[in-house]
Structures are given as C-alpha cells and as structure tokens.
Amino acid sequence: MTSPSNDNRGKNLARCPICHAPAVPEYVPFCSKRCADVDLHRWLSGSYAVPAEEDDSDGAPQPGGEAIED
C-alpha cells in the first residue's frame, strides 16, 4: 500500500523554463502560451546565441600545427 505522500510520484514535475511554474501538458515544457511566446522571441532575437571564437587562421601552417585546408 502506498502512502498519501507518494501519490504525486510520476505526475507532472516539470517546471516552466521561463517562470518556473508547473508545466501544463498543452504547452510542455512551458506553463502557458505567453511563456512559450517569450521563449520563441528569445530564439528569434538571438538571446539564445552560443558564444563563438573567431578563427584567425588563414590556412597558413601554425607553429606546431598543420595547414588548414578548406
């Protein structure tokens, strides 16, 4: 027999990545259309960009390295 405290096991434990409210099945992983739209705006505006380093090599051999070919 399970105790009442274990009745929530396996139920929706996901949290909205925007406001941290419980996720709603219709908008998983979000809690509402508003939070889904906020996330979409962040993607489209470039807020979720991965930082990258510029590649300064011009294909010439680097000391201790090999030439880079395109």
PDB file of N, CA and C in Angstrom:
ATOM      1  N   MET A   1       0.846  -1.172   0.000  1.00  0.00           N
ATOM      2  CA  MET A   1       0.000   0.000   0.000  1.00  0.00           C
ATOM      3  C   MET A   1       0.900   1.247   0.000  1.00  0.00           C
ATOM      4  N   THR A   2       0.554   2.227  -0.809  1.00  0.00           N
ATOM      5  CA  THR A   2       1.356   3.443  -0.891  1.00  0.00           C
ATOM      6  C   THR A   2       0.834   4.486   0.073  1.00  0.00           C
ATOM      7  N   SER A   3       1.731   5.286   0.565  1.00  0.00           N
ATOM      8  CA  SER A   3       1.313   6.348   1.476  1.00  0.00           C
ATOM      9  C   SER A   3       0.823   7.542   0.671  1.00  0.00           C
ATOM     10  N   PRO A   4      -0.020   8.393   1.256  1.00  0.00           N
ATOM     11  CA  PRO A   4      -0.544   9.553   0.539  1.00  0.00           C
ATOM     12  C   PRO A   4       0.548  10.490   0.034  1.00  0.00           C
ATOM     13  N   SER A   5       1.695  10.559   0.722  1.00  0.00           N
ATOM     14  CA  SER A   5       2.766  11.448   0.291  1.00  0.00           C
ATOM     15  C   SER A   5       3.407  10.988  -1.016  1.00  0.00           C
ATOM     16  N   ASN A   6       3.226   9.721  -1.390  1.00  0.00           N
ATOM     17  CA  ASN A   6       3.810   9.200  -2.630  1.00  0.00           C
ATOM     18  C   ASN A   6       2.846   9.268  -3.806  1.00  0.00           C
ATOM     19  N   ASP A   7       1.645   9.793  -3.610  1.00  0.00           N
ATOM     20  CA  ASP A   7       0.647   9.835  -4.669  1.00  0.00           C
ATOM     21  C   ASP A   7       1.047  10.744  -5.826  1.00  0.00           C
ATOM     22  N   ASN A   8       1.920  11.694  -5.603  1.00  0.00           N
ATOM     23  CA  ASN A   8       2.339  12.619  -6.652  1.00  0.00           C
ATOM     24  C   ASN A   8       3.505  12.086  -7.480  1.00  0.00           C
ATOM     25  N   ARG A   9       4.011  10.933  -7.142  1.00  0.00           N
ATOM     26  CA  ARG A   9       5.138  10.368  -7.872  1.00  0.00           C
ATOM     27  C   ARG A   9       4.742  10.073  -9.316  1.00  0.00           C
ATOM     28  N   GLY A  10       5.577  10.504 -10.262  1.00  0.00           N
ATOM     29  CA  GLY A  10       5.305  10.242 -11.663  1.00  0.00           C
ATOM     30  C   GLY A  10       4.401  11.262 -12.317  1.00  0.00           C
ATOM     31  N   LYS A  11       3.851  12.168 -11.538  1.00  0.00           N
ATOM     32  CA  LYS A  11       2.998  13.203 -12.118  1.00  0.00           C
ATOM     33  C   LYS A  11       3.866  14.331 -12.639  1.00  0.00           C
ATOM     34  N   ASN A  12       3.250  15.330 -13.206  1.00  0.00           N
ATOM     35  CA  ASN A  12       3.950  16.434 -13.853  1.00  0.00           C
ATOM     36  C   ASN A  12       4.848  17.174 -12.864  1.00  0.00           C
ATOM     37  N   LEU A  13       6.153  16.895 -12.887  1.00  0.00           N
ATOM     38  CA  LEU A  13       7.103  17.560 -12.019  1.00  0.00           C
ATOM     39  C   LEU A  13       7.921  18.584 -12.792  1.00  0.00           C
ATOM     40  N   ALA A  14       7.678  18.704 -14.083  1.00  0.00           N
ATOM     41  CA  ALA A  14       8.433  19.634 -14.919  1.00  0.00           C
ATOM     42  C   ALA A  14       8.059  21.062 -14.563  1.00  0.00           C
ATOM     43  N   ARG A  15       9.036  21.938 -14.684  1.00  0.00           N
ATOM     44  CA  ARG A  15       8.826  23.354 -14.417  1.00  0.00           C
ATOM     45  C   ARG A  15       9.062  24.153 -15.681  1.00  0.00           C
ATOM     46  N   CYS A  16       8.318  25.219 -15.838  1.00  0.00           N
ATOM     47  CA  CYS A  16       8.457  26.110 -16.986  1.00  0.00           C
ATOM     48  C   CYS A  16       9.852  26.746 -16.943  1.00  0.00           C
ATOM     49  N   PRO A  17      10.610  26.696 -18.042  1.00  0.00           N
ATOM     50  CA  PRO A  17      11.947  27.282 -18.039  1.00  0.00           C
ATOM     51  C   PRO A  17      11.938  28.808 -17.993  1.00  0.00           C
ATOM     52  N   ILE A  18      10.800  29.438 -18.226  1.00  0.00           N
ATOM     53  CA  ILE A  18      10.708  30.898 -18.222  1.00  0.00           C
ATOM     54  C   ILE A  18      10.354  31.419 -16.828  1.00  0.00           C
ATOM     55  N   CYS A  19       9.261  30.927 -16.239  1.00  0.00           N
ATOM     56  CA  CYS A  19       8.801  31.465 -14.950  1.00  0.00           C
ATOM     57  C   CYS A  19       8.856  30.444 -13.809  1.00  0.00           C
ATOM     58  N   HIS A  20       9.200  29.204 -14.109  1.00  0.00           N
ATOM     59  CA  HIS A  20       9.352  28.122 -13.128  1.00  0.00           C
ATOM     60  C   HIS A  20       8.044  27.658 -12.493  1.00  0.00           C
ATOM     61  N   ALA A  21       6.927  28.006 -13.090  1.00  0.00           N
ATOM     62  CA  ALA A  21       5.638  27.472 -12.644  1.00  0.00           C
ATOM     63  C   ALA A  21       5.515  26.037 -13.167  1.00  0.00           C
ATOM     64  N   PRO A  22       4.626  25.232 -12.610  1.00  0.00           N
ATOM     65  CA  PRO A  22       4.444  23.871 -13.125  1.00  0.00           C
ATOM     66  C   PRO A  22       4.042  23.892 -14.609  1.00  0.00           C
ATOM     67  N   ALA A  23       4.622  23.004 -15.389  1.00  0.00           N
ATOM     68  CA  ALA A  23       4.308  22.924 -16.822  1.00  0.00           C
ATOM     69  C   ALA A  23       2.894  22.405 -17.023  1.00  0.00           C
ATOM     70  N   VAL A  24       2.278  22.852 -18.119  1.00  0.00           N
ATOM     71  CA  VAL A  24       0.924  22.446 -18.480  1.00  0.00           C
ATOM     72  C   VAL A  24       1.032  21.548 -19.713  1.00  0.00           C
ATOM     73  N   PRO A  25       0.357  20.392 -19.721  1.00  0.00           N
ATOM     74  CA  PRO A  25       0.501  19.454 -20.848  1.00  0.00           C
ATOM     75  C   PRO A  25       0.295  20.091 -22.222  1.00  0.00           C
ATOM     76  N   GLU A  26      -0.601  21.041 -22.345  1.00  0.00           N
ATOM     77  CA  GLU A  26      -0.877  21.677 -23.632  1.00  0.00           C
ATOM     78  C   GLU A  26       0.320  22.475 -24.158  1.00  0.00           C
ATOM     79  N   TYR A  27       1.157  22.982 -23.248  1.00  0.00           N
ATOM     80  CA  TYR A  27       2.272  23.848 -23.643  1.00  0.00           C
ATOM     81  C   TYR A  27       3.637  23.317 -23.202  1.00  0.00           C
ATOM     82  N   VAL A  28       3.739  22.040 -22.844  1.00  0.00           N
ATOM     83  CA  VAL A  28       5.001  21.469 -22.352  1.00  0.00           C
ATOM     84  C   VAL A  28       6.149  21.861 -23.257  1.00  0.00           C
ATOM     85  N   PRO A  29       7.249  22.331 -22.764  1.00  0.00           N
ATOM     86  CA  PRO A  29       7.665  22.382 -21.356  1.00  0.00           C
ATOM     87  C   PRO A  29       7.257  23.669 -20.647  1.00  0.00           C
ATOM     88  N   PHE A  30       6.403  24.456 -21.245  1.00  0.00           N
ATOM     89  CA  PHE A  30       6.012  25.741 -20.668  1.00  0.00           C
ATOM     90  C   PHE A  30       4.718  25.617 -19.873  1.00  0.00           C
ATOM     91  N   CYS A  31       4.381  26.700 -19.154  1.00  0.00           N
ATOM     92  CA  CYS A  31       3.152  26.700 -18.352  1.00  0.00           C
ATOM     93  C   CYS A  31       2.015  27.401 -19.078  1.00  0.00           C
ATOM     94  N   SER A  32       2.335  28.171 -20.120  1.00  0.00           N
ATOM     95  CA  SER A  32       1.295  28.933 -20.815  1.00  0.00           C
ATOM     96  C   SER A  32       1.780  29.328 -22.209  1.00  0.00           C
ATOM     97  N   LYS A  33       0.858  29.807 -23.015  1.00  0.00           N
ATOM     98  CA  LYS A  33       1.212  30.303 -24.341  1.00  0.00           C
ATOM     99  C   LYS A  33       2.130  31.511 -24.219  1.00  0.00           C
ATOM    100  N   ARG A  34       1.900  32.340 -23.204  1.00  0.00           N
ATOM    101  CA  ARG A  34       2.730  33.517 -23.004  1.00  0.00           C
ATOM    102  C   ARG A  34       4.195  33.135 -22.826  1.00  0.00           C
ATOM    103  N   CYS A  35       4.476  32.157 -21.956  1.00  0.00           N
ATOM    104  CA  CYS A  35       5.864  31.744 -21.728  1.00  0.00           C
ATOM    105  C   CYS A  35       6.446  31.091 -22.986  1.00  0.00           C
ATOM    106  N   ALA A  36       5.636  30.345 -23.732  1.00  0.00           N
ATOM    107  CA  ALA A  36       6.107  29.768 -24.987  1.00  0.00           C
ATOM    108  C   ALA A  36       6.476  30.871 -25.973  1.00  0.00           C
ATOM    109  N   ASP A  37       5.671  31.938 -26.010  1.00  0.00           N
ATOM    110  CA  ASP A  37       5.955  33.063 -26.904  1.00  0.00           C
ATOM    111  C   ASP A  37       7.195  33.841 -26.462  1.00  0.00           C
ATOM    112  N   VAL A  38       7.394  33.977 -25.159  1.00  0.00           N
ATOM    113  CA  VAL A  38       8.602  34.639 -24.651  1.00  0.00           C
ATOM    114  C   VAL A  38       9.834  33.862 -25.104  1.00  0.00           C
ATOM    115  N   ASP A  39       9.779  32.534 -24.987  1.00  0.00           N
ATOM    116  CA  ASP A  39      10.898  31.693 -25.406  1.00  0.00           C
ATOM    117  C   ASP A  39      11.149  31.820 -26.910  1.00  0.00           C
ATOM    118  N   LEU A  40      10.088  31.805 -27.709  1.00  0.00           N
ATOM    119  CA  LEU A  40      10.231  31.951 -29.159  1.00  0.00           C
ATOM    120  C   LEU A  40      10.875  33.298 -29.494  1.00  0.00           C
ATOM    121  N   HIS A  41      10.444  34.352 -28.825  1.00  0.00           N
ATOM    122  CA  HIS A  41      11.031  35.678 -29.062  1.00  0.00           C
ATOM    123  C   HIS A  41      12.523  35.679 -28.733  1.00  0.00           C
ATOM    124  N   ARG A  42      12.893  35.005 -27.653  1.00  0.00           N
ATOM    125  CA  ARG A  42      14.317  34.943 -27.293  1.00  0.00           C
ATOM    126  C   ARG A  42      15.125  34.235 -28.368  1.00  0.00           C
ATOM    127  N   TRP A  43      14.571  33.162 -28.935  1.00  0.00           N
ATOM    128  CA  TRP A  43      15.272  32.461 -30.021  1.00  0.00           C
ATOM    129  C   TRP A  43      15.400  33.357 -31.243  1.00  0.00           C
ATOM    130  N   LEU A  44      14.301  34.000 -31.624  1.00  0.00           N
ATOM    131  CA  LEU A  44      14.295  34.803 -32.851  1.00  0.00           C
ATOM    132  C   LEU A  44      15.133  36.073 -32.724  1.00  0.00           C
ATOM    133  N   SER A  45      15.267  36.608 -31.519  1.00  0.00           N
ATOM    134  CA  SER A  45      16.044  37.839 -31.332  1.00  0.00           C
ATOM    135  C   SER A  45      17.524  37.569 -31.108  1.00  0.00           C
ATOM    136  N   GLY A  46      17.903  36.296 -30.980  1.00  0.00           N
ATOM    137  CA  GLY A  46      19.313  35.952 -30.806  1.00  0.00           C
ATOM    138  C   GLY A  46      19.773  35.916 -29.361  1.00  0.00           C
ATOM    139  N   SER A  47      18.848  35.991 -28.413  1.00  0.00           N
ATOM    140  CA  SER A  47      19.223  35.936 -26.993  1.00  0.00           C
ATOM    141  C   SER A  47      19.830  34.594 -26.611  1.00  0.00           C
ATOM    142  N   TYR A  48      19.480  33.546 -27.335  1.00  0.00           N
ATOM    143  CA  TYR A  48      19.986  32.216 -27.027  1.00  0.00           C
ATOM    144  C   TYR A  48      21.182  31.853 -27.909  1.00  0.00           C
ATOM    145  N   ALA A  49      21.981  32.825 -28.283  1.00  0.00           N
ATOM    146  CA  ALA A  49      23.140  32.570 -29.138  1.00  0.00           C
ATOM    147  C   ALA A  49      24.257  31.905 -28.334  1.00  0.00           C
ATOM    148  N   VAL A  50      24.945  30.991 -28.962  1.00  0.00           N
ATOM    149  CA  VAL A  50      26.092  30.338 -28.357  1.00  0.00           C
ATOM    150  C   VAL A  50      27.328  31.163 -28.687  1.00  0.00           C
ATOM    151  N   PRO A  51      28.089  31.594 -27.684  1.00  0.00           N
ATOM    152  CA  PRO A  51      29.272  32.392 -27.972  1.00  0.00           C
ATOM    153  C   PRO A  51      30.293  31.576 -28.758  1.00  0.00           C
ATOM    154  N   ALA A  52      30.912  32.210 -29.723  1.00  0.00           N
ATOM    155  CA  ALA A  52      31.900  31.528 -30.554  1.00  0.00           C
ATOM    156  C   ALA A  52      33.162  32.379 -30.630  1.00  0.00           C
ATOM    157  N   GLU A  53      34.279  31.724 -30.848  1.00  0.00           N
ATOM    158  CA  GLU A  53      35.536  32.432 -31.019  1.00  0.00           C
ATOM    159  C   GLU A  53      35.823  32.554 -32.504  1.00  0.00           C
ATOM    160  N   GLU A  54      36.344  33.708 -32.891  1.00  0.00           N
ATOM    161  CA  GLU A  54      36.728  33.916 -34.278  1.00  0.00           C
ATOM    162  C   GLU A  54      37.929  33.040 -34.615  1.00  0.00           C
ATOM    163  N   ASP A  55      37.926  32.475 -35.799  1.00  0.00           N
ATOM    164  CA  ASP A  55      39.042  31.671 -36.277  1.00  0.00           C
ATOM    165  C   ASP A  55      39.971  32.602 -37.043  1.00  0.00           C
ATOM    166  N   ASP A  56      41.131  32.910 -36.444  1.00  0.00           N
ATOM    167  CA  ASP A  56      42.075  33.850 -37.043  1.00  0.00           C
ATOM    168  C   ASP A  56      42.984  33.204 -38.081  1.00  0.00           C
ATOM    169  N   SER A  57      42.873  31.900 -38.263  1.00  0.00           N
ATOM    170  CA  SER A  57      43.796  31.255 -39.199  1.00  0.00           C
ATOM    171  C   SER A  57      43.397  31.558 -40.643  1.00  0.00           C
ATOM    172  N   ASP A  58      44.391  31.704 -41.468  1.00  0.00           N
ATOM    173  CA  ASP A  58      44.159  31.970 -42.886  1.00  0.00           C
ATOM    174  C   ASP A  58      44.560  30.774 -43.737  1.00  0.00           C
ATOM    175  N   GLY A  59      44.699  29.623 -43.091  1.00  0.00           N
ATOM    176  CA  GLY A  59      45.087  28.418 -43.815  1.00  0.00           C
ATOM    177  C   GLY A  59      46.591  28.183 -43.796  1.00  0.00           C
ATOM    178  N   ALA A  60      47.348  29.168 -43.301  1.00  0.00           N
ATOM    179  CA  ALA A  60      48.806  29.019 -43.227  1.00  0.00           C
ATOM    180  C   ALA A  60      49.149  28.115 -42.058  1.00  0.00           C
ATOM    181  N   PRO A  61      50.255  27.389 -42.193  1.00  0.00           N
ATOM    182  CA  PRO A  61      50.677  26.493 -41.113  1.00  0.00           C
ATOM    183  C   PRO A  61      50.955  27.302 -39.833  1.00  0.00           C
ATOM    184  N   GLN A  62      50.495  26.773 -38.730  1.00  0.00           N
ATOM    185  CA  GLN A  62      50.736  27.384 -37.429  1.00  0.00           C
ATOM    186  C   GLN A  62      51.935  26.676 -36.803  1.00  0.00           C
ATOM    187  N   PRO A  63      52.695  27.376 -35.998  1.00  0.00           N
ATOM    188  CA  PRO A  63      53.810  26.714 -35.307  1.00  0.00           C
ATOM    189  C   PRO A  63      53.305  25.520 -34.505  1.00  0.00           C
ATOM    190  N   GLY A  64      53.847  24.350 -34.792  1.00  0.00           N
ATOM    191  CA  GLY A  64      53.424  23.142 -34.088  1.00  0.00           C
ATOM    192  C   GLY A  64      52.123  22.571 -34.610  1.00  0.00           C
ATOM    193  N   GLY A  65      51.603  23.082 -35.699  1.00  0.00           N
ATOM    194  CA  GLY A  65      50.343  22.578 -36.229  1.00  0.00           C
ATOM    195  C   GLY A  65      50.449  22.294 -37.709  1.00  0.00           C
ATOM    196  N   GLU A  66      49.360  21.874 -38.287  1.00  0.00           N
ATOM    197  CA  GLU A  66      49.319  21.591 -39.716  1.00  0.00           C
ATOM    198  C   GLU A  66      48.482  22.642 -40.418  1.00  0.00           C
ATOM    199  N   ALA A  67      48.662  22.759 -41.712  1.00  0.00           N
ATOM    200  CA  ALA A  67      47.882  23.709 -42.501  1.00  0.00           C
ATOM    201  C   ALA A  67      46.423  23.287 -42.510  1.00  0.00           C
ATOM    202  N   ILE A  68      45.550  24.272 -42.507  1.00  0.00           N
ATOM    203  CA  ILE A  68      44.109  24.007 -42.569  1.00  0.00           C
ATOM    204  C   ILE A  68      43.656  24.164 -44.010  1.00  0.00           C
ATOM    205  N   GLU A  69      43.009  23.134 -44.518  1.00  0.00           N
ATOM    206  CA  GLU A  69      42.527  23.193 -45.906  1.00  0.00           C
ATOM    207  C   GLU A  69      41.013  23.290 -45.902  1.00  0.00           C
ATOM    208  N   ASP A  70      40.481  24.031 -46.853  1.00  0.00           N
ATOM    209  CA  ASP A  70      39.032  24.185 -46.960  1.00  0.00           C
ATOM    210  C   ASP A  70      38.413  23.065 -47.734  1.00  0.00           C
TER     211      ASP A  70
END
